[in-house]
All heavy atoms as atom14 arrays in JSON, in Angstrom:
{
  "sequence": "ITFYDGVKIPDSWRLGEVDGGVRTMSAALELEHRGGGFAKAHAAMIR",
  "atom14_mask": [
    [1, 1, 1, 1, 1, 1, 1, 1, 0, 0, 0, 0, 0, 0],
    [1, 1, 1, 1, 1, 1, 1, 0, 0, 0, 0, 0, 0, 0],
    [1, 1, 1, 1, 1, 1, 1, 1, 1, 1, 1, 0, 0, 0],
    [1, 1, 1, 1, 1, 1, 1, 1, 1, 1, 1, 1, 0, 0],
    [1, 1, 1, 1, 1, 1, 1, 1, 0, 0, 0, 0, 0, 0],
    [1, 1, 1, 1, 0, 0, 0, 0, 0, 0, 0, 0, 0, 0],
    [1, 1, 1, 1, 1, 1, 1, 0, 0, 0, 0, 0, 0, 0],
    [1, 1, 1, 1, 1, 1, 1, 1, 1, 0, 0, 0, 0, 0],
    [1, 1, 1, 1, 1, 1, 1, 1, 0, 0, 0, 0, 0, 0],
    [1, 1, 1, 1, 1, 1, 1, 0, 0, 0, 0, 0, 0, 0],
    [1, 1, 1, 1, 1, 1, 1, 1, 0, 0, 0, 0, 0, 0],
    [1, 1, 1, 1, 1, 1, 0, 0, 0, 0, 0, 0, 0, 0],
    [1, 1, 1, 1, 1, 1, 1, 1, 1, 1, 1, 1, 1, 1],
    [1, 1, 1, 1, 1, 1, 1, 1, 1, 1, 1, 0, 0, 0],
    [1, 1, 1, 1, 1, 1, 1, 1, 0, 0, 0, 0, 0, 0],
    [1, 1, 1, 1, 0, 0, 0, 0, 0, 0, 0, 0, 0, 0],
    [1, 1, 1, 1, 1, 1, 1, 1, 1, 0, 0, 0, 0, 0],
    [1, 1, 1, 1, 1, 1, 1, 0, 0, 0, 0, 0, 0, 0],
    [1, 1, 1, 1, 1, 1, 1, 1, 0, 0, 0, 0, 0, 0],
    [1, 1, 1, 1, 0, 0, 0, 0, 0, 0, 0, 0, 0, 0],
    [1, 1, 1, 1, 0, 0, 0, 0, 0, 0, 0, 0, 0, 0],
    [1, 1, 1, 1, 1, 1, 1, 0, 0, 0, 0, 0, 0, 0],
    [1, 1, 1, 1, 1, 1, 1, 1, 1, 1, 1, 0, 0, 0],
    [1, 1, 1, 1, 1, 1, 1, 0, 0, 0, 0, 0, 0, 0],
    [1, 1, 1, 1, 1, 1, 1, 1, 0, 0, 0, 0, 0, 0],
    [1, 1, 1, 1, 1, 1, 0, 0, 0, 0, 0, 0, 0, 0],
    [1, 1, 1, 1, 1, 0, 0, 0, 0, 0, 0, 0, 0, 0],
    [1, 1, 1, 1, 1, 0, 0, 0, 0, 0, 0, 0, 0, 0],
    [1, 1, 1, 1, 1, 1, 1, 1, 0, 0, 0, 0, 0, 0],
    [1, 1, 1, 1, 1, 1, 1, 1, 1, 0, 0, 0, 0, 0],
    [1, 1, 1, 1, 1, 1, 1, 1, 0, 0, 0, 0, 0, 0],
    [1, 1, 1, 1, 1, 1, 1, 1, 1, 0, 0, 0, 0, 0],
    [1, 1, 1, 1, 1, 1, 1, 1, 1, 1, 0, 0, 0, 0],
    [1, 1, 1, 1, 1, 1, 1, 1, 1, 1, 1, 0, 0, 0],
    [1, 1, 1, 1, 0, 0, 0, 0, 0, 0, 0, 0, 0, 0],
    [1, 1, 1, 1, 0, 0, 0, 0, 0, 0, 0, 0, 0, 0],
    [1, 1, 1, 1, 0, 0, 0, 0, 0, 0, 0, 0, 0, 0],
    [1, 1, 1, 1, 1, 1, 1, 1, 1, 1, 1, 0, 0, 0],
    [1, 1, 1, 1, 1, 0, 0, 0, 0, 0, 0, 0, 0, 0],
    [1, 1, 1, 1, 1, 1, 1, 1, 1, 0, 0, 0, 0, 0],
    [1, 1, 1, 1, 1, 0, 0, 0, 0, 0, 0, 0, 0, 0],
    [1, 1, 1, 1, 1, 1, 1, 1, 1, 1, 0, 0, 0, 0],
    [1, 1, 1, 1, 1, 0, 0, 0, 0, 0, 0, 0, 0, 0],
    [1, 1, 1, 1, 1, 0, 0, 0, 0, 0, 0, 0, 0, 0],
    [1, 1, 1, 1, 1, 1, 1, 1, 0, 0, 0, 0, 0, 0],
    [1, 1, 1, 1, 1, 1, 1, 1, 0, 0, 0, 0, 0, 0],
    [1, 1, 1, 1, 1, 1, 1, 1, 1, 1, 1, 0, 0, 0]
  ],
  "atom14_positions": [
    [[-53.81, 26.1, 26.43], [-54.74, 25.78, 25.37], [-55.35, 27.11, 24.95], [-55.7, 27.94, 25.79], [-55.83, 24.77, 25.83], [-56.75, 24.41, 24.66], [-56.62, 25.27, 27.02], [-57.68, 23.24, 24.95], [0.0, 0.0, 0.0], [0.0, 0.0, 0.0], [0.0, 0.0, 0.0], [0.0, 0.0, 0.0], [0.0, 0.0, 0.0], [0.0, 0.0, 0.0]],
    [[-55.41, 27.34, 23.64], [-55.89, 28.62, 23.14], [-57.08, 28.4, 22.21], [-57.09, 27.47, 21.41], [-54.78, 29.39, 22.39], [-54.14, 28.51, 21.45], [-53.74, 29.9, 23.37], [0.0, 0.0, 0.0], [0.0, 0.0, 0.0], [0.0, 0.0, 0.0], [0.0, 0.0, 0.0], [0.0, 0.0, 0.0], [0.0, 0.0, 0.0], [0.0, 0.0, 0.0]],
    [[-58.07, 29.27, 22.35], [-59.32, 29.17, 21.59], [-59.44, 30.38, 20.67], [-59.16, 31.52, 21.08], [-60.52, 29.1, 22.53], [-60.45, 27.97, 23.52], [-59.89, 28.15, 24.77], [-60.95, 26.71, 23.19], [-59.82, 27.1, 25.68], [-60.88, 25.66, 24.09], [-60.32, 25.86, 25.34], [0.0, 0.0, 0.0], [0.0, 0.0, 0.0], [0.0, 0.0, 0.0]],
    [[-59.88, 30.15, 19.45], [-60.01, 31.19, 18.44], [-61.44, 31.16, 17.92], [-61.86, 30.21, 17.25], [-59.0, 30.97, 17.31], [-57.59, 30.82, 17.84], [-57.12, 29.57, 18.26], [-56.77, 31.92, 17.97], [-55.86, 29.43, 18.79], [-55.49, 31.79, 18.51], [-55.04, 30.53, 18.92], [-53.79, 30.4, 19.45], [0.0, 0.0, 0.0], [0.0, 0.0, 0.0]],
    [[-62.19, 32.19, 18.24], [-63.62, 32.24, 17.93], [-63.9, 33.47, 17.07], [-64.05, 34.58, 17.56], [-64.43, 32.31, 19.23], [-65.94, 32.27, 18.98], [-66.34, 31.99, 17.84], [-66.69, 32.53, 19.93], [0.0, 0.0, 0.0], [0.0, 0.0, 0.0], [0.0, 0.0, 0.0], [0.0, 0.0, 0.0], [0.0, 0.0, 0.0], [0.0, 0.0, 0.0]],
    [[-63.93, 33.25, 15.75], [-64.21, 34.34, 14.83], [-63.15, 35.42, 14.84], [-63.46, 36.61, 14.7], [0.0, 0.0, 0.0], [0.0, 0.0, 0.0], [0.0, 0.0, 0.0], [0.0, 0.0, 0.0], [0.0, 0.0, 0.0], [0.0, 0.0, 0.0], [0.0, 0.0, 0.0], [0.0, 0.0, 0.0], [0.0, 0.0, 0.0], [0.0, 0.0, 0.0]],
    [[-61.88, 35.03, 14.96], [-60.79, 36.0, 14.96], [-60.56, 36.49, 13.53], [-60.37, 35.69, 12.61], [-59.49, 35.37, 15.51], [-58.37, 36.4, 15.52], [-59.73, 34.81, 16.91], [0.0, 0.0, 0.0], [0.0, 0.0, 0.0], [0.0, 0.0, 0.0], [0.0, 0.0, 0.0], [0.0, 0.0, 0.0], [0.0, 0.0, 0.0], [0.0, 0.0, 0.0]],
    [[-60.57, 37.8, 13.34], [-60.47, 38.36, 11.99], [-59.13, 39.06, 11.79], [-58.68, 39.84, 12.63], [-61.62, 39.34, 11.75], [-62.98, 38.66, 11.8], [-64.12, 39.63, 11.55], [-65.47, 38.92, 11.62], [-66.61, 39.85, 11.38], [0.0, 0.0, 0.0], [0.0, 0.0, 0.0], [0.0, 0.0, 0.0], [0.0, 0.0, 0.0], [0.0, 0.0, 0.0]],
    [[-58.5, 38.73, 10.66], [-57.22, 39.35, 10.3], [-57.24, 39.69, 8.82], [-57.92, 39.04, 8.03], [-56.03, 38.42, 10.6], [-56.21, 37.07, 9.91], [-55.81, 38.25, 12.1], [-54.97, 36.19, 9.95], [0.0, 0.0, 0.0], [0.0, 0.0, 0.0], [0.0, 0.0, 0.0], [0.0, 0.0, 0.0], [0.0, 0.0, 0.0], [0.0, 0.0, 0.0]],
    [[-56.48, 40.7, 8.42], [-56.4, 41.02, 6.98], [-55.55, 40.0, 6.25], [-54.73, 39.29, 6.86], [-55.74, 42.4, 6.97], [-54.95, 42.46, 8.25], [-55.74, 41.67, 9.25], [0.0, 0.0, 0.0], [0.0, 0.0, 0.0], [0.0, 0.0, 0.0], [0.0, 0.0, 0.0], [0.0, 0.0, 0.0], [0.0, 0.0, 0.0], [0.0, 0.0, 0.0]],
    [[-55.71, 39.92, 4.95], [-54.95, 38.97, 4.15], [-53.45, 39.26, 4.21], [-52.62, 38.37, 4.0], [-55.44, 38.99, 2.7], [-54.78, 37.92, 1.85], [-54.92, 36.72, 2.2], [-54.11, 38.27, 0.87], [0.0, 0.0, 0.0], [0.0, 0.0, 0.0], [0.0, 0.0, 0.0], [0.0, 0.0, 0.0], [0.0, 0.0, 0.0], [0.0, 0.0, 0.0]],
    [[-53.1, 40.5, 4.49], [-51.68, 40.87, 4.57], [-50.97, 40.2, 5.74], [-49.74, 40.23, 5.82], [-51.53, 42.39, 4.68], [-52.28, 42.88, 5.78], [0.0, 0.0, 0.0], [0.0, 0.0, 0.0], [0.0, 0.0, 0.0], [0.0, 0.0, 0.0], [0.0, 0.0, 0.0], [0.0, 0.0, 0.0], [0.0, 0.0, 0.0], [0.0, 0.0, 0.0]],
    [[-51.72, 39.56, 6.65], [-51.12, 38.86, 7.79], [-50.99, 37.36, 7.5], [-50.72, 36.57, 8.39], [-51.93, 39.11, 9.06], [-51.69, 40.51, 9.57], [-51.88, 41.68, 8.89], [-51.17, 40.88, 10.85], [-51.54, 42.76, 9.66], [-51.1, 42.3, 10.88], [-50.78, 40.17, 11.97], [-50.63, 43.0, 11.99], [-50.33, 40.87, 13.08], [-50.25, 42.27, 13.08]],
    [[-51.16, 37.01, 6.24], [-50.91, 35.63, 5.8], [-49.44, 35.49, 5.44], [-48.82, 36.39, 4.88], [-51.8, 35.32, 4.6], [-51.44, 34.02, 3.87], [-52.49, 33.68, 2.82], [-52.81, 34.77, 1.92], [-52.12, 35.07, 0.82], [-51.04, 34.37, 0.51], [-52.49, 36.08, 0.05], [0.0, 0.0, 0.0], [0.0, 0.0, 0.0], [0.0, 0.0, 0.0]],
    [[-48.87, 34.3, 5.72], [-47.49, 34.0, 5.37], [-47.47, 33.0, 4.22], [-47.96, 31.89, 4.35], [-46.73, 33.4, 6.56], [-46.37, 34.34, 7.71], [-45.71, 33.54, 8.83], [-45.44, 35.44, 7.24], [0.0, 0.0, 0.0], [0.0, 0.0, 0.0], [0.0, 0.0, 0.0], [0.0, 0.0, 0.0], [0.0, 0.0, 0.0], [0.0, 0.0, 0.0]],
    [[-46.9, 33.38, 3.1], [-46.82, 32.48, 1.97], [-48.12, 32.34, 1.22], [-49.1, 33.07, 1.46], [0.0, 0.0, 0.0], [0.0, 0.0, 0.0], [0.0, 0.0, 0.0], [0.0, 0.0, 0.0], [0.0, 0.0, 0.0], [0.0, 0.0, 0.0], [0.0, 0.0, 0.0], [0.0, 0.0, 0.0], [0.0, 0.0, 0.0], [0.0, 0.0, 0.0]],
    [[-48.14, 31.36, 0.32], [-49.3, 31.16, -0.53], [-50.43, 30.46, 0.22], [-50.2, 29.71, 1.18], [-48.9, 30.3, -1.74], [-47.84, 30.93, -2.63], [-48.33, 32.21, -3.29], [-49.53, 32.28, -3.6], [-47.5, 33.12, -3.48], [0.0, 0.0, 0.0], [0.0, 0.0, 0.0], [0.0, 0.0, 0.0], [0.0, 0.0, 0.0], [0.0, 0.0, 0.0]],
    [[-51.65, 30.69, -0.23], [-52.8, 29.94, 0.28], [-52.6, 28.47, -0.06], [-52.24, 28.12, -1.19], [-54.11, 30.47, -0.33], [-55.3, 29.6, 0.13], [-54.34, 31.92, 0.06], [0.0, 0.0, 0.0], [0.0, 0.0, 0.0], [0.0, 0.0, 0.0], [0.0, 0.0, 0.0], [0.0, 0.0, 0.0], [0.0, 0.0, 0.0], [0.0, 0.0, 0.0]],
    [[-52.82, 27.62, 0.9], [-52.61, 26.16, 0.8], [-51.13, 25.81, 0.68], [-50.78, 24.66, 0.38], [-53.37, 25.55, -0.38], [-54.88, 25.67, -0.23], [-55.35, 25.97, 0.9], [-55.59, 25.47, -1.23], [0.0, 0.0, 0.0], [0.0, 0.0, 0.0], [0.0, 0.0, 0.0], [0.0, 0.0, 0.0], [0.0, 0.0, 0.0], [0.0, 0.0, 0.0]],
    [[-50.24, 26.78, 0.91], [-48.8, 26.52, 0.83], [-48.12, 26.54, 2.18], [-46.93, 26.84, 2.28], [0.0, 0.0, 0.0], [0.0, 0.0, 0.0], [0.0, 0.0, 0.0], [0.0, 0.0, 0.0], [0.0, 0.0, 0.0], [0.0, 0.0, 0.0], [0.0, 0.0, 0.0], [0.0, 0.0, 0.0], [0.0, 0.0, 0.0], [0.0, 0.0, 0.0]],
    [[-48.87, 26.18, 3.23], [-48.33, 26.27, 4.58], [-47.15, 25.35, 4.85], [-46.27, 25.69, 5.64], [0.0, 0.0, 0.0], [0.0, 0.0, 0.0], [0.0, 0.0, 0.0], [0.0, 0.0, 0.0], [0.0, 0.0, 0.0], [0.0, 0.0, 0.0], [0.0, 0.0, 0.0], [0.0, 0.0, 0.0], [0.0, 0.0, 0.0], [0.0, 0.0, 0.0]],
    [[-47.12, 24.2, 4.19], [-46.03, 23.26, 4.44], [-44.71, 23.86, 3.96], [-43.68, 23.77, 4.65], [-46.3, 21.92, 3.74], [-45.08, 21.01, 3.83], [-47.49, 21.23, 4.38], [0.0, 0.0, 0.0], [0.0, 0.0, 0.0], [0.0, 0.0, 0.0], [0.0, 0.0, 0.0], [0.0, 0.0, 0.0], [0.0, 0.0, 0.0], [0.0, 0.0, 0.0]],
    [[-44.72, 24.49, 2.81], [-43.5, 25.14, 2.29], [-43.09, 26.27, 3.23], [-41.9, 26.46, 3.51], [-43.74, 25.66, 0.88], [-42.54, 26.38, 0.29], [-42.76, 26.71, -1.19], [-41.64, 27.45, -1.73], [-41.56, 28.78, -1.75], [-42.57, 29.5, -1.27], [-40.51, 29.39, -2.26], [0.0, 0.0, 0.0], [0.0, 0.0, 0.0], [0.0, 0.0, 0.0]],
    [[-44.05, 27.03, 3.69], [-43.74, 28.13, 4.61], [-43.16, 27.6, 5.9], [-42.18, 28.14, 6.44], [-45.02, 28.94, 4.9], [-45.63, 29.32, 3.66], [-44.7, 30.19, 5.7], [0.0, 0.0, 0.0], [0.0, 0.0, 0.0], [0.0, 0.0, 0.0], [0.0, 0.0, 0.0], [0.0, 0.0, 0.0], [0.0, 0.0, 0.0], [0.0, 0.0, 0.0]],
    [[-43.75, 26.53, 6.41], [-43.31, 25.97, 7.68], [-41.91, 25.38, 7.59], [-41.21, 25.27, 8.59], [-44.3, 24.89, 8.13], [-44.04, 24.37, 9.55], [-45.44, 23.39, 10.16], [-45.57, 22.13, 8.91], [0.0, 0.0, 0.0], [0.0, 0.0, 0.0], [0.0, 0.0, 0.0], [0.0, 0.0, 0.0], [0.0, 0.0, 0.0], [0.0, 0.0, 0.0]],
    [[-41.49, 25.01, 6.4], [-40.18, 24.39, 6.25], [-39.07, 25.31, 6.72], [-38.02, 24.85, 7.19], [-39.94, 23.99, 4.8], [-39.87, 25.12, 3.95], [0.0, 0.0, 0.0], [0.0, 0.0, 0.0], [0.0, 0.0, 0.0], [0.0, 0.0, 0.0], [0.0, 0.0, 0.0], [0.0, 0.0, 0.0], [0.0, 0.0, 0.0], [0.0, 0.0, 0.0]],
    [[-39.27, 26.62, 6.61], [-38.25, 27.56, 7.08], [-38.06, 27.43, 8.59], [-36.93, 27.48, 9.09], [-38.66, 28.99, 6.72], [0.0, 0.0, 0.0], [0.0, 0.0, 0.0], [0.0, 0.0, 0.0], [0.0, 0.0, 0.0], [0.0, 0.0, 0.0], [0.0, 0.0, 0.0], [0.0, 0.0, 0.0], [0.0, 0.0, 0.0], [0.0, 0.0, 0.0]],
    [[-39.18, 27.25, 9.3], [-39.09, 27.08, 10.75], [-38.53, 25.72, 11.11], [-37.69, 25.6, 12.02], [-40.46, 27.27, 11.39], [0.0, 0.0, 0.0], [0.0, 0.0, 0.0], [0.0, 0.0, 0.0], [0.0, 0.0, 0.0], [0.0, 0.0, 0.0], [0.0, 0.0, 0.0], [0.0, 0.0, 0.0], [0.0, 0.0, 0.0], [0.0, 0.0, 0.0]],
    [[-38.97, 24.68, 10.43], [-38.5, 23.34, 10.75], [-37.01, 23.2, 10.49], [-36.31, 22.47, 11.21], [-39.28, 22.31, 9.93], [-40.76, 22.18, 10.28], [-41.44, 21.17, 9.35], [-40.95, 21.77, 11.72], [0.0, 0.0, 0.0], [0.0, 0.0, 0.0], [0.0, 0.0, 0.0], [0.0, 0.0, 0.0], [0.0, 0.0, 0.0], [0.0, 0.0, 0.0]],
    [[-36.51, 23.91, 9.47], [-35.07, 23.85, 9.19], [-34.29, 24.38, 10.38], [-33.26, 23.82, 10.76], [-34.76, 24.67, 7.94], [-33.28, 24.63, 7.55], [-32.99, 25.48, 6.33], [-33.95, 25.95, 5.69], [-31.8, 25.67, 6.03], [0.0, 0.0, 0.0], [0.0, 0.0, 0.0], [0.0, 0.0, 0.0], [0.0, 0.0, 0.0], [0.0, 0.0, 0.0]],
    [[-34.76, 25.46, 10.98], [-34.1, 26.0, 12.16], [-34.27, 25.08, 13.35], [-33.34, 24.85, 14.13], [-34.67, 27.38, 12.49], [-34.32, 28.51, 11.52], [-35.14, 29.75, 11.85], [-32.84, 28.83, 11.58], [0.0, 0.0, 0.0], [0.0, 0.0, 0.0], [0.0, 0.0, 0.0], [0.0, 0.0, 0.0], [0.0, 0.0, 0.0], [0.0, 0.0, 0.0]],
    [[-35.47, 24.53, 13.52], [-35.8, 23.73, 14.68], [-35.03, 22.41, 14.69], [-34.67, 21.9, 15.74], [-37.31, 23.45, 14.69], [-37.85, 23.09, 16.05], [-39.37, 23.14, 16.09], [-40.01, 23.04, 15.02], [-39.93, 23.27, 17.18], [0.0, 0.0, 0.0], [0.0, 0.0, 0.0], [0.0, 0.0, 0.0], [0.0, 0.0, 0.0], [0.0, 0.0, 0.0]],
    [[-34.75, 21.85, 13.51], [-34.1, 20.55, 13.42], [-32.63, 20.65, 13.04], [-32.01, 19.65, 12.71], [-34.83, 19.68, 12.38], [-36.23, 19.34, 12.79], [-37.25, 19.24, 11.88], [-36.78, 19.11, 14.0], [-38.38, 18.93, 12.51], [-38.11, 18.86, 13.8], [0.0, 0.0, 0.0], [0.0, 0.0, 0.0], [0.0, 0.0, 0.0], [0.0, 0.0, 0.0]],
    [[-32.06, 21.86, 13.11], [-30.68, 22.05, 12.68], [-29.7, 21.38, 13.62], [-28.64, 20.96, 13.22], [-30.39, 23.55, 12.55], [-28.98, 23.87, 12.07], [-28.83, 25.33, 11.77], [-29.64, 25.73, 10.63], [-29.76, 26.99, 10.22], [-29.16, 27.95, 10.86], [-30.52, 27.27, 9.16], [0.0, 0.0, 0.0], [0.0, 0.0, 0.0], [0.0, 0.0, 0.0]],
    [[-30.02, 21.32, 14.86], [-29.08, 20.71, 15.81], [-29.5, 21.02, 17.22], [-30.66, 21.14, 17.54], [0.0, 0.0, 0.0], [0.0, 0.0, 0.0], [0.0, 0.0, 0.0], [0.0, 0.0, 0.0], [0.0, 0.0, 0.0], [0.0, 0.0, 0.0], [0.0, 0.0, 0.0], [0.0, 0.0, 0.0], [0.0, 0.0, 0.0], [0.0, 0.0, 0.0]],
    [[-28.5, 21.18, 18.07], [-28.79, 21.46, 19.46], [-29.07, 20.18, 20.22], [-28.88, 19.08, 19.73], [0.0, 0.0, 0.0], [0.0, 0.0, 0.0], [0.0, 0.0, 0.0], [0.0, 0.0, 0.0], [0.0, 0.0, 0.0], [0.0, 0.0, 0.0], [0.0, 0.0, 0.0], [0.0, 0.0, 0.0], [0.0, 0.0, 0.0], [0.0, 0.0, 0.0]],
    [[-29.51, 20.34, 21.41], [-29.76, 19.19, 22.26], [-29.86, 19.64, 23.71], [-30.03, 20.83, 23.99], [0.0, 0.0, 0.0], [0.0, 0.0, 0.0], [0.0, 0.0, 0.0], [0.0, 0.0, 0.0], [0.0, 0.0, 0.0], [0.0, 0.0, 0.0], [0.0, 0.0, 0.0], [0.0, 0.0, 0.0], [0.0, 0.0, 0.0], [0.0, 0.0, 0.0]],
    [[-29.71, 18.71, 24.6], [-29.94, 19.0, 26.01], [-28.75, 18.6, 26.87], [-28.9, 18.25, 28.04], [-31.22, 18.3, 26.46], [-32.42, 18.72, 25.66], [-32.82, 17.99, 24.54], [-33.1, 19.88, 25.97], [-33.9, 18.4, 23.77], [-34.18, 20.3, 25.2], [-34.58, 19.56, 24.1], [0.0, 0.0, 0.0], [0.0, 0.0, 0.0], [0.0, 0.0, 0.0]],
    [[-27.55, 18.65, 26.28], [-26.36, 18.25, 27.02], [-26.12, 19.14, 28.23], [-25.69, 18.66, 29.29], [-25.14, 18.27, 26.1], [0.0, 0.0, 0.0], [0.0, 0.0, 0.0], [0.0, 0.0, 0.0], [0.0, 0.0, 0.0], [0.0, 0.0, 0.0], [0.0, 0.0, 0.0], [0.0, 0.0, 0.0], [0.0, 0.0, 0.0], [0.0, 0.0, 0.0]],
    [[-26.37, 20.45, 28.12], [-26.13, 21.35, 29.24], [-27.06, 21.05, 30.41], [-26.62, 21.02, 31.56], [-26.3, 22.8, 28.78], [-25.26, 23.28, 27.78], [-23.89, 23.33, 28.41], [-22.87, 23.84, 27.41], [-21.49, 23.84, 27.95], [0.0, 0.0, 0.0], [0.0, 0.0, 0.0], [0.0, 0.0, 0.0], [0.0, 0.0, 0.0], [0.0, 0.0, 0.0]],
    [[-28.34, 20.84, 30.12], [-29.28, 20.49, 31.19], [-28.93, 19.15, 31.8], [-29.05, 18.94, 33.02], [-30.7, 20.49, 30.63], [0.0, 0.0, 0.0], [0.0, 0.0, 0.0], [0.0, 0.0, 0.0], [0.0, 0.0, 0.0], [0.0, 0.0, 0.0], [0.0, 0.0, 0.0], [0.0, 0.0, 0.0], [0.0, 0.0, 0.0], [0.0, 0.0, 0.0]],
    [[-28.51, 18.21, 30.97], [-28.1, 16.88, 31.41], [-26.9, 16.99, 32.35], [-26.87, 16.38, 33.43], [-27.74, 16.07, 30.16], [-27.64, 14.6, 30.38], [-27.66, 13.71, 29.34], [-27.5, 13.85, 31.5], [-27.54, 12.47, 29.82], [-27.43, 12.54, 31.12], [0.0, 0.0, 0.0], [0.0, 0.0, 0.0], [0.0, 0.0, 0.0], [0.0, 0.0, 0.0]],
    [[-25.9, 17.79, 31.96], [-24.7, 17.95, 32.78], [-25.03, 18.62, 34.12], [-24.48, 18.25, 35.17], [-23.66, 18.77, 32.03], [0.0, 0.0, 0.0], [0.0, 0.0, 0.0], [0.0, 0.0, 0.0], [0.0, 0.0, 0.0], [0.0, 0.0, 0.0], [0.0, 0.0, 0.0], [0.0, 0.0, 0.0], [0.0, 0.0, 0.0], [0.0, 0.0, 0.0]],
    [[-25.94, 19.59, 34.09], [-26.33, 20.26, 35.34], [-27.0, 19.27, 36.29], [-26.8, 19.32, 37.52], [-27.27, 21.42, 35.03], [0.0, 0.0, 0.0], [0.0, 0.0, 0.0], [0.0, 0.0, 0.0], [0.0, 0.0, 0.0], [0.0, 0.0, 0.0], [0.0, 0.0, 0.0], [0.0, 0.0, 0.0], [0.0, 0.0, 0.0], [0.0, 0.0, 0.0]],
    [[-27.79, 18.35, 35.74], [-28.43, 17.33, 36.57], [-27.38, 16.43, 37.23], [-27.51, 16.07, 38.42], [-29.38, 16.49, 35.72], [-30.01, 15.31, 36.45], [-31.0, 14.28, 35.36], [-29.73, 13.56, 34.3], [0.0, 0.0, 0.0], [0.0, 0.0, 0.0], [0.0, 0.0, 0.0], [0.0, 0.0, 0.0], [0.0, 0.0, 0.0], [0.0, 0.0, 0.0]],
    [[-26.35, 16.05, 36.48], [-25.31, 15.19, 37.05], [-24.59, 15.9, 38.18], [-24.34, 15.32, 39.24], [-24.32, 14.76, 35.95], [-25.04, 13.94, 34.88], [-23.17, 13.95, 36.54], [-24.22, 13.7, 33.63], [0.0, 0.0, 0.0], [0.0, 0.0, 0.0], [0.0, 0.0, 0.0], [0.0, 0.0, 0.0], [0.0, 0.0, 0.0], [0.0, 0.0, 0.0]],
    [[-24.24, 17.17, 37.97], [-23.57, 17.93, 39.03], [-24.45, 18.01, 40.28], [-23.96, 17.9, 41.41], [-23.24, 19.34, 38.54], [-22.14, 19.37, 37.48], [-21.62, 20.79, 37.27], [-22.67, 21.68, 36.77], [-22.92, 21.88, 35.49], [-22.22, 21.24, 34.56], [-23.86, 22.72, 35.11], [0.0, 0.0, 0.0], [0.0, 0.0, 0.0], [0.0, 0.0, 0.0]]
  ]
}
């Protein structure tokens, strides 16, 4: 759990437009939901 109390950053450390976080996040979600799975961990458990 992380706490942020008056953390200050310059505007240059913003990603994308103000209030446009959903569009920015879509780049990450596209990678996160592209595929993959847990077959290898599953197979190791069976062995």
